[in-house]
C-alpha atoms as a PDB file:
ATOM      1  CA  MET A   1       5.830   1.724  26.756  1.00  0.00           C
ATOM      2  CA  ALA A   2       5.393   6.033  27.372  1.00  0.00           C
ATOM      3  CA  ASN A   3       6.377   7.811  23.959  1.00  0.00           C
ATOM      4  CA  ILE A   4       9.114  10.274  25.681  1.00  0.00           C
ATOM      5  CA  PRO A   5      10.077  13.060  23.104  1.00  0.00           C
ATOM      6  CA  LEU A   6      13.477  12.613  21.367  1.00  0.00           C
ATOM      7  CA  GLU A   7      15.221  15.514  22.821  1.00  0.00           C
ATOM      8  CA  ASN A   8      14.656  14.866  26.171  1.00  0.00           C
ATOM      9  CA  SER A   9      16.194  11.667  25.944  1.00  0.00           C
ATOM     10  CA  LEU A  10      19.431  12.893  24.881  1.00  0.00           C
ATOM     11  CA  LYS A  11      19.596  15.578  27.307  1.00  0.00           C
ATOM     12  CA  VAL A  12      22.350  15.221  29.996  1.00  0.00           C
ATOM     13  CA  PRO A  13      21.630  16.019  33.450  1.00  0.00           C
ATOM     14  CA  THR A  14      23.710  18.676  35.084  1.00  0.00           C
ATOM     15  CA  HIS A  15      25.016  16.899  37.524  1.00  0.00           C
ATOM     16  CA  LYS A  16      27.595  15.116  35.153  1.00  0.00           C
ATOM     17  CA  ILE A  17      28.102  19.082  33.722  1.00  0.00           C
ATOM     18  CA  GLN A  18      28.935  20.009  37.348  1.00  0.00           C
ATOM     19  CA  PRO A  19      32.116  18.675  38.053  1.00  0.00           C
ATOM     20  CA  SER A  20      33.996  19.575  34.543  1.00  0.00           C
ATOM     21  CA  PHE A  21      32.303  23.199  35.358  1.00  0.00           C
ATOM     22  CA  GLU A  22      33.878  23.368  38.794  1.00  0.00           C
ATOM     23  CA  GLN A  23      37.419  21.710  37.811  1.00  0.00           C
ATOM     24  CA  ALA A  24      37.228  24.937  35.107  1.00  0.00           C
ATOM     25  CA  LYS A  25      36.251  27.347  37.407  1.00  0.00           C
ATOM     26  CA  ASN A  26      39.391  25.659  40.479  1.00  0.00           C
ATOM     27  CA  VAL A  27      41.286  25.907  38.020  1.00  0.00           C
ATOM     28  CA  LEU A  28      41.161  29.541  36.673  1.00  0.00           C
ATOM     29  CA  PHE A  29      41.379  30.619  39.985  1.00  0.00           C
ATOM     30  CA  THR A  30      44.542  28.401  41.090  1.00  0.00           C
ATOM     31  CA  THR A  31      46.117  29.825  37.810  1.00  0.00           C
ATOM     32  CA  GLY A  32      44.739  33.378  38.951  1.00  0.00           C
ATOM     33  CA  ILE A  33      46.365  33.103  42.778  1.00  0.00           C
ATOM     34  CA  VAL A  34      49.805  31.969  42.074  1.00  0.00           C
ATOM     35  CA  GLY A  35      50.361  34.870  39.031  1.00  0.00           C
ATOM     36  CA  GLN A  36      49.342  37.321  41.667  1.00  0.00           C
ATOM     37  CA  TYR A  37      51.498  35.315  45.071  1.00  0.00           C
ATOM     38  CA  PHE A  38      54.599  35.760  42.196  1.00  0.00           C
ATOM     39  CA  PHE A  39      53.384  39.828  41.984  1.00  0.00           C
ATOM     40  CA  VAL A  40      53.866  39.557  46.040  1.00  0.00           C
ATOM     41  CA  LEU A  41      56.951  37.645  45.679  1.00  0.00           C
ATOM     42  CA  TYR A  42      58.319  40.359  42.942  1.00  0.00           C
ATOM     43  CA  ILE A  43      56.923  42.983  44.988  1.00  0.00           C
ATOM     44  CA  ALA A  44      59.030  41.539  47.757  1.00  0.00           C
ATOM     45  CA  ILE A  45      62.398  41.316  46.704  1.00  0.00           C
ATOM     46  CA  PHE A  46      62.406  44.040  44.483  1.00  0.00           C
ATOM     47  CA  TYR A  47      62.187  46.571  47.334  1.00  0.00           C
ATOM     48  CA  GLY A  48      63.634  44.497  49.240  1.00  0.00           C
ATOM     49  CA  TRP A  49      66.710  44.669  46.408  1.00  0.00           C
ATOM     50  CA  VAL A  50      66.620  48.811  46.287  1.00  0.00           C
ATOM     51  CA  ILE A  51      66.632  48.965  50.047  1.00  0.00           C
ATOM     52  CA  SER A  52      68.942  46.955  50.935  1.00  0.00           C
ATOM     53  CA  ASN A  53      71.547  47.895  48.459  1.00  0.00           C
ATOM     54  CA  GLY A  54      70.549  51.599  47.785  1.00  0.00           C
ATOM     55  CA  TYR A  55      69.176  51.877  44.688  1.00  0.00           C
ATOM     56  CA  TYR A  56      66.218  54.219  45.338  1.00  0.00           C
ATOM     57  CA  GLU A  57      66.945  55.544  41.666  1.00  0.00           C
ATOM     58  CA  LYS A  58      65.444  52.733  40.604  1.00  0.00           C
ATOM     59  CA  LEU A  59      62.208  53.606  42.381  1.00  0.00           C
ATOM     60  CA  ASN A  60      61.879  56.582  40.216  1.00  0.00           C
ATOM     61  CA  GLY A  61      60.324  54.772  37.195  1.00  0.00           C
ATOM     62  CA  HIS A  62      57.916  52.871  39.565  1.00  0.00           C
ATOM     63  CA  GLY A  63      56.101  56.058  40.853  1.00  0.00           C
ATOM     64  CA  ALA A  64      58.903  57.731  43.581  1.00  0.00           C
ATOM     65  CA  ILE A  65      59.277  61.276  43.160  1.00  0.00           C
ATOM     66  CA  GLU A  66      62.195  62.742  44.163  1.00  0.00           C
ATOM     67  CA  GLY A  67      60.876  65.687  46.961  1.00  0.00           C
ATOM     68  CA  ASP A  68      57.455  64.366  47.248  1.00  0.00           C
ATOM     69  CA  THR A  69      58.200  63.138  50.815  1.00  0.00           C
ATOM     70  CA  MET A  70      54.133  62.737  51.141  1.00  0.00           C
ATOM     71  CA  GLY A  71      53.390  61.210  48.069  1.00  0.00           C
ATOM     72  CA  ASN A  72      56.774  58.955  48.253  1.00  0.00           C
ATOM     73  CA  PHE A  73      54.874  57.674  51.868  1.00  0.00           C
ATOM     74  CA  ALA A  74      51.881  57.606  50.357  1.00  0.00           C
ATOM     75  CA  LEU A  75      53.079  54.982  47.686  1.00  0.00           C
ATOM     76  CA  GLY A  76      55.264  53.106  50.237  1.00  0.00           C
ATOM     77  CA  ILE A  77      52.066  52.309  52.101  1.00  0.00           C
ATOM     78  CA  HIS A  78      49.727  51.940  49.085  1.00  0.00           C
ATOM     79  CA  VAL A  79      51.740  49.533  47.446  1.00  0.00           C
ATOM     80  CA  PHE A  80      53.108  47.277  51.333  1.00  0.00           C
ATOM     81  CA  LEU A  81      49.286  47.114  52.147  1.00  0.00           C
ATOM     82  CA  ALA A  82      48.573  45.498  48.451  1.00  0.00           C
ATOM     83  CA  ALA A  83      50.848  42.653  48.610  1.00  0.00           C
ATOM     84  CA  ILE A  84      49.507  42.125  52.178  1.00  0.00           C
ATOM     85  CA  ILE A  85      45.947  42.055  50.791  1.00  0.00           C
ATOM     86  CA  MET A  86      47.087  39.780  47.779  1.00  0.00           C
ATOM     87  CA  PHE A  87      49.035  37.623  49.988  1.00  0.00           C
ATOM     88  CA  GLY A  88      45.891  37.218  52.117  1.00  0.00           C
ATOM     89  CA  GLY A  89      43.317  37.723  50.358  1.00  0.00           C
ATOM     90  CA  PRO A  90      42.770  34.130  48.463  1.00  0.00           C
ATOM     91  CA  LEU A  91      42.852  32.483  51.906  1.00  0.00           C
ATOM     92  CA  GLN A  92      38.926  33.861  52.129  1.00  0.00           C
ATOM     93  CA  PHE A  93      37.354  31.901  49.769  1.00  0.00           C
ATOM     94  CA  LEU A  94      39.249  28.374  50.488  1.00  0.00           C
ATOM     95  CA  SER A  95      36.469  26.040  52.149  1.00  0.00           C
ATOM     96  CA  SER A  96      38.993  23.996  53.916  1.00  0.00           C
ATOM     97  CA  ILE A  97      40.376  27.281  55.823  1.00  0.00           C
ATOM     98  CA  ARG A  98      36.885  28.623  56.073  1.00  0.00           C
ATOM     99  CA  LYS A  99      35.611  25.390  58.432  1.00  0.00           C
ATOM    100  CA  ARG A 100      38.964  24.164  59.872  1.00  0.00           C
ATOM    101  CA  TYR A 101      39.985  27.478  60.921  1.00  0.00           C
ATOM    102  CA  PRO A 102      36.971  30.250  61.210  1.00  0.00           C
ATOM    103  CA  VAL A 103      38.298  32.607  63.723  1.00  0.00           C
ATOM    104  CA  PHE A 104      41.454  32.938  61.321  1.00  0.00           C
ATOM    105  CA  HIS A 105      38.974  33.976  58.656  1.00  0.00           C
ATOM    106  CA  ARG A 106      37.198  36.517  60.166  1.00  0.00           C
ATOM    107  CA  TRP A 107      40.555  38.194  61.330  1.00  0.00           C
ATOM    108  CA  ASN A 108      41.738  37.582  57.903  1.00  0.00           C
ATOM    109  CA  GLY A 109      38.734  39.258  56.332  1.00  0.00           C
ATOM    110  CA  ARG A 110      38.872  42.304  58.691  1.00  0.00           C
ATOM    111  CA  ILE A 111      42.473  42.987  58.225  1.00  0.00           C
ATOM    112  CA  PHE A 112      41.042  42.276  54.352  1.00  0.00           C
ATOM    113  CA  PHE A 113      38.879  44.749  54.992  1.00  0.00           C
ATOM    114  CA  SER A 114      40.402  47.703  56.782  1.00  0.00           C
ATOM    115  CA  THR A 115      43.790  47.386  54.789  1.00  0.00           C
ATOM    116  CA  ALA A 116      41.711  47.438  51.327  1.00  0.00           C
ATOM    117  CA  LEU A 117      40.024  51.112  52.430  1.00  0.00           C
ATOM    118  CA  ILE A 118      43.443  52.179  53.788  1.00  0.00           C
ATOM    119  CA  THR A 119      45.188  51.263  50.249  1.00  0.00           C
ATOM    120  CA  VAL A 120      42.141  52.985  48.464  1.00  0.00           C
ATOM    121  CA  CYS A 121      42.936  56.356  50.357  1.00  0.00           C
ATOM    122  CA  ALA A 122      46.241  56.256  49.985  1.00  0.00           C
ATOM    123  CA  GLY A 123      45.673  55.873  45.929  1.00  0.00           C
ATOM    124  CA  LEU A 124      43.069  58.371  46.036  1.00  0.00           C
ATOM    125  CA  TYR A 125      45.533  60.487  47.540  1.00  0.00           C
ATOM    126  CA  MET A 126      48.013  60.025  45.312  1.00  0.00           C
ATOM    127  CA  ASN A 127      45.600  60.434  42.061  1.00  0.00           C
ATOM    128  CA  ALA A 128      44.737  63.921  43.885  1.00  0.00           C
ATOM    129  CA  THR A 129      48.431  65.409  44.702  1.00  0.00           C
ATOM    130  CA  ARG A 130      49.921  64.045  41.704  1.00  0.00           C
ATOM    131  CA  GLY A 131      47.994  62.795  38.850  1.00  0.00           C
ATOM    132  CA  ALA A 132      47.119  59.296  36.871  1.00  0.00           C
ATOM    133  CA  HIS A 133      50.133  58.990  35.124  1.00  0.00           C
ATOM    134  CA  GLY A 134      48.216  58.742  31.755  1.00  0.00           C
ATOM    135  CA  GLY A 135      46.212  61.552  32.123  1.00  0.00           C
ATOM    136  CA  MET A 136      42.412  62.166  33.675  1.00  0.00           C
ATOM    137  CA  LEU A 137      41.454  59.789  31.458  1.00  0.00           C
ATOM    138  CA  LEU A 138      43.454  57.069  33.498  1.00  0.00           C
ATOM    139  CA  ALA A 139      42.608  59.257  36.563  1.00  0.00           C
ATOM    140  CA  LEU A 140      38.824  58.661  36.500  1.00  0.00           C
ATOM    141  CA  GLY A 141      39.328  54.578  36.040  1.00  0.00           C
ATOM    142  CA  ASN A 142      41.540  55.002  39.025  1.00  0.00           C
ATOM    143  CA  GLY A 143      38.582  56.782  40.790  1.00  0.00           C
ATOM    144  CA  LEU A 144      36.579  53.935  39.433  1.00  0.00           C
ATOM    145  CA  ASN A 145      38.338  51.583  40.986  1.00  0.00           C
ATOM    146  CA  ALA A 146      38.522  52.524  44.456  1.00  0.00           C
ATOM    147  CA  LEU A 147      35.046  53.805  44.367  1.00  0.00           C
ATOM    148  CA  LEU A 148      34.152  49.894  43.720  1.00  0.00           C
ATOM    149  CA  ILE A 149      36.860  48.361  46.157  1.00  0.00           C
ATOM    150  CA  GLY A 150      34.689  50.918  48.984  1.00  0.00           C
ATOM    151  CA  ALA A 151      31.613  49.848  47.904  1.00  0.00           C
ATOM    152  CA  PHE A 152      32.088  45.955  47.687  1.00  0.00           C
ATOM    153  CA  THR A 153      34.184  46.151  50.578  1.00  0.00           C
ATOM    154  CA  PHE A 154      31.429  47.659  53.213  1.00  0.00           C
ATOM    155  CA  MET A 155      28.602  45.240  51.250  1.00  0.00           C
ATOM    156  CA  ALA A 156      30.717  41.995  52.073  1.00  0.00           C
ATOM    157  CA  TRP A 157      31.067  43.659  55.874  1.00  0.00           C
ATOM    158  CA  ARG A 158      26.987  44.123  55.910  1.00  0.00           C
ATOM    159  CA  THR A 159      26.749  40.293  54.993  1.00  0.00           C
ATOM    160  CA  ALA A 160      28.701  39.042  56.953  1.00  0.00           C
ATOM    161  CA  LEU A 161      27.030  40.775  60.372  1.00  0.00           C
ATOM    162  CA  GLN A 162      23.269  39.869  58.586  1.00  0.00           C
ATOM    163  CA  GLN A 163      24.930  36.232  58.225  1.00  0.00           C
ATOM    164  CA  ASP A 164      24.386  35.970  54.800  1.00  0.00           C
ATOM    165  CA  PHE A 165      26.984  34.088  53.920  1.00  0.00           C
ATOM    166  CA  ILE A 166      26.190  34.075  50.211  1.00  0.00           C
ATOM    167  CA  SER A 167      25.678  37.218  49.177  1.00  0.00           C
ATOM    168  CA  HIS A 168      28.601  37.707  51.942  1.00  0.00           C
ATOM    169  CA  LYS A 169      31.035  35.547  49.745  1.00  0.00           C
ATOM    170  CA  LYS A 170      29.816  37.567  46.365  1.00  0.00           C
ATOM    171  CA  TRP A 171      31.057  40.222  47.623  1.00  0.00           C
ATOM    172  CA  ALA A 172      33.868  39.601  48.632  1.00  0.00           C
ATOM    173  CA  LEU A 173      34.501  38.294  45.853  1.00  0.00           C
ATOM    174  CA  ARG A 174      34.064  41.466  44.112  1.00  0.00           C
ATOM    175  CA  ALA A 175      35.645  43.648  46.763  1.00  0.00           C
ATOM    176  CA  PHE A 176      39.013  41.151  45.678  1.00  0.00           C
ATOM    177  CA  LEU A 177      38.569  41.574  41.909  1.00  0.00           C
ATOM    178  CA  MET A 178      38.924  45.250  42.418  1.00  0.00           C
ATOM    179  CA  VAL A 179      41.936  45.252  45.074  1.00  0.00           C
ATOM    180  CA  SER A 180      43.473  43.325  42.614  1.00  0.00           C
ATOM    181  CA  GLY A 181      43.150  45.543  39.691  1.00  0.00           C
ATOM    182  CA  VAL A 182      46.490  46.153  40.651  1.00  0.00           C
ATOM    183  CA  TRP A 183      47.680  43.292  39.133  1.00  0.00           C
ATOM    184  CA  PHE A 184      45.064  42.603  36.269  1.00  0.00           C
ATOM    185  CA  PHE A 185      46.411  46.569  34.933  1.00  0.00           C
ATOM    186  CA  ARG A 186      49.480  44.368  34.637  1.00  0.00           C
ATOM    187  CA  VAL A 187      48.747  40.606  33.837  1.00  0.00           C
ATOM    188  CA  GLY A 188      46.809  43.099  30.829  1.00  0.00           C
ATOM    189  CA  TYR A 189      49.444  44.405  29.607  1.00  0.00           C
ATOM    190  CA  GLY A 190      51.304  41.189  29.013  1.00  0.00           C
ATOM    191  CA  LEU A 191      48.378  39.577  27.090  1.00  0.00           C
ATOM    192  CA  TRP A 192      48.050  42.430  25.004  1.00  0.00           C
ATOM    193  CA  ILE A 193      51.996  42.975  23.777  1.00  0.00           C
ATOM    194  CA  LEU A 194      51.537  38.143  22.975  1.00  0.00           C
ATOM    195  CA  LEU A 195      48.292  39.048  20.933  1.00  0.00           C
ATOM    196  CA  THR A 196      49.710  41.738  18.880  1.00  0.00           C
ATOM    197  CA  GLY A 197      53.132  39.849  17.724  1.00  0.00           C
ATOM    198  CA  PHE A 198      54.933  41.574  20.600  1.00  0.00           C
ATOM    199  CA  THR A 199      54.533  45.082  18.471  1.00  0.00           C
ATOM    200  CA  ALA A 200      52.269  46.262  21.638  1.00  0.00           C
ATOM    201  CA  ILE A 201      50.198  48.649  18.629  1.00  0.00           C
ATOM    202  CA  GLY A 202      47.660  50.994  21.195  1.00  0.00           C
ATOM    203  CA  ILE A 203      50.327  51.510  23.703  1.00  0.00           C
ATOM    204  CA  HIS A 204      52.265  54.907  24.757  1.00  0.00           C
ATOM    205  CA  PRO A 205      54.769  55.110  26.662  1.00  0.00           C
ATOM    206  CA  ASP A 206      52.849  58.249  28.882  1.00  0.00           C
ATOM    207  CA  LEU A 207      50.005  55.801  28.549  1.00  0.00           C
ATOM    208  CA  THR A 208      48.072  57.768  26.308  1.00  0.00           C
ATOM    209  CA  GLY A 209      47.513  55.319  23.774  1.00  0.00           C
ATOM    210  CA  PRO A 210      43.662  53.207  22.758  1.00  0.00           C
ATOM    211  CA  PHE A 211      44.703  50.059  24.178  1.00  0.00           C
ATOM    212  CA  ASP A 212      46.185  52.192  28.038  1.00  0.00           C
ATOM    213  CA  ARG A 213      42.567  54.253  27.750  1.00  0.00           C
ATOM    214  CA  PHE A 214      40.549  50.801  27.524  1.00  0.00           C
ATOM    215  CA  LEU A 215      42.349  48.893  30.147  1.00  0.00           C
ATOM    216  CA  GLY A 216      42.018  51.539  32.172  1.00  0.00           C
ATOM    217  CA  PHE A 217      38.671  51.171  33.259  1.00  0.00           C
ATOM    218  CA  GLY A 218      39.032  47.683  31.868  1.00  0.00           C
ATOM    219  CA  HIS A 219      41.443  46.994  34.721  1.00  0.00           C
ATOM    220  CA  SER A 220      37.906  46.552  37.204  1.00  0.00           C
ATOM    221  CA  ILE A 221      34.900  46.203  34.383  1.00  0.00           C
ATOM    222  CA  VAL A 222      36.370  42.531  32.353  1.00  0.00           C
ATOM    223  CA  PRO A 223      37.294  41.029  35.640  1.00  0.00           C
ATOM    224  CA  LEU A 224      33.673  42.016  37.228  1.00  0.00           C
ATOM    225  CA  VAL A 225      31.779  41.501  34.068  1.00  0.00           C
ATOM    226  CA  LEU A 226      33.323  38.181  33.205  1.00  0.00           C
ATOM    227  CA  LEU A 227      32.602  37.061  37.457  1.00  0.00           C
ATOM    228  CA  GLU A 228      28.533  38.313  37.035  1.00  0.00           C
ATOM    229  CA  LEU A 229      28.365  35.956  33.867  1.00  0.00           C
ATOM    230  CA  TYR A 230      30.158  33.293  36.154  1.00  0.00           C
ATOM    231  CA  PHE A 231      27.439  34.044  38.979  1.00  0.00           C
ATOM    232  CA  LEU A 232      24.637  33.160  35.955  1.00  0.00           C
ATOM    233  CA  ALA A 233      26.504  30.496  34.991  1.00  0.00           C
ATOM    234  CA  LYS A 234      26.634  28.585  37.680  1.00  0.00           C
ATOM    235  CA  ALA A 235      22.830  29.957  39.039  1.00  0.00           C
ATOM    236  CA  SER A 236      21.287  27.986  35.877  1.00  0.00           C
ATOM    237  CA  LYS A 237      20.129  25.222  35.533  1.00  0.00           C
ATOM    238  CA  GLN A 238      20.841  24.784  31.465  1.00  0.00           C
ATOM    239  CA  VAL A 239      23.443  21.952  30.317  1.00  0.00           C
ATOM    240  CA  LYS A 240      24.167  24.386  27.248  1.00  0.00           C
ATOM    241  CA  VAL A 241      24.488  27.125  29.636  1.00  0.00           C
ATOM    242  CA  LYS A 242      27.177  24.910  31.746  1.00  0.00           C
ATOM    243  CA  ARG A 243      29.211  23.654  28.580  1.00  0.00           C
ATOM    244  CA  VAL A 244      30.028  27.073  27.548  1.00  0.00           C
ATOM    245  CA  ALA A 245      30.836  28.513  30.908  1.00  0.00           C
ATOM    246  CA  THR A 246      33.373  25.244  31.424  1.00  0.00           C
ATOM    247  CA  VAL A 247      34.699  26.176  28.015  1.00  0.00           C
ATOM    248  CA  SER A 248      34.971  30.116  28.360  1.00  0.00           C
ATOM    249  CA  MET A 249      37.048  29.587  31.881  1.00  0.00           C
ATOM    250  CA  TRP A 250      39.711  26.879  30.090  1.00  0.00           C
ATOM    251  CA  ILE A 251      40.169  29.614  27.402  1.00  0.00           C
ATOM    252  CA  LEU A 252      40.402  32.337  30.509  1.00  0.00           C
ATOM    253  CA  THR A 253      42.860  30.010  31.966  1.00  0.00           C
ATOM    254  CA  LEU A 254      45.533  30.333  29.012  1.00  0.00           C
ATOM    255  CA  LEU A 255      44.607  33.268  28.106  1.00  0.00           C
ATOM    256  CA  LEU A 256      45.844  34.061  32.274  1.00  0.00           C
ATOM    257  CA  ALA A 257      48.269  32.229  32.456  1.00  0.00           C
ATOM    258  CA  ALA A 258      50.223  33.614  28.994  1.00  0.00           C
ATOM    259  CA  GLY A 259      49.447  37.062  30.672  1.00  0.00           C
ATOM    260  CA  ILE A 260      51.238  36.014  34.021  1.00  0.00           C
ATOM    261  CA  VAL A 261      54.274  35.069  31.782  1.00  0.00           C
ATOM    262  CA  MET A 262      54.498  37.670  29.762  1.00  0.00           C
ATOM    263  CA  VAL A 263      54.373  40.162  32.558  1.00  0.00           C
ATOM    264  CA  GLY A 264      56.897  39.122  34.337  1.00  0.00           C
ATOM    265  CA  VAL A 265      59.263  38.433  31.217  1.00  0.00           C
ATOM    266  CA  VAL A 266      59.014  42.248  30.066  1.00  0.00           C
ATOM    267  CA  PHE A 267      58.397  43.885  33.016  1.00  0.00           C
ATOM    268  CA  TRP A 268      59.333  42.517  36.455  1.00  0.00           C
ATOM    269  CA  VAL A 269      62.838  40.964  35.791  1.00  0.00           C
ATOM    270  CA  PRO A 270      63.799  43.272  34.105  1.00  0.00           C
ATOM    271  CA  ALA A 271      63.319  45.496  36.731  1.00  0.00           C
ATOM    272  CA  PHE A 272      66.382  44.190  38.577  1.00  0.00           C
ATOM    273  CA  GLY A 273      68.725  45.245  35.459  1.00  0.00           C
END
């Protein structure tokens, strides 16, 4: 009988960990998409409610400034296109749609990338002409987000043309997360309010508090770092890495779900009052 080291005999094959890893990833992704679609629904209902009832004063707390025609127009483009991106973007990552409807996948991708760039331009215009709520630091955070959207969108388009579809999917995911920064920003507040026991410590009405400043950059950097860690874990053949990543994704799912519920209760529902 061969002398097999005990530690080798106790190792669990990586392929047995893979299903739970993929399941955790799918649940995390689904939770995020459900939360984004709630945000899209909120945008559609809120702005539809404002326009149909003539409650334009409600927009004063949502970025509109009386007399600033161009700025308000840019805001409208920014919000409307952001809703389109967050609705169509997730469909790009569903393998069933990619395989069964490749033409739709290509055209939806073109709409996503072009819309993302227009949204960036509208956001940068508002940043330059109005400044960012929260001062220079949040303006820099918004600028970083816009820069990353542009860079990742370009790389996703380039790798698609090169038919390097593995790299294309990674760049597209990076671009999608950066475009979703406006959503992560709000969910971050919802989660922080819950974690601080509804004290909201570090948050100021003018967005100059410590947490406001952290989130000004964190809404881009944190999701991007987590995505890169996911890529590393997915490529790893070590069982421990897969297990840690699986548990981490389940924890992230709970935190994300909590943040989504809180942002709805604290920010979205009261907007109709």
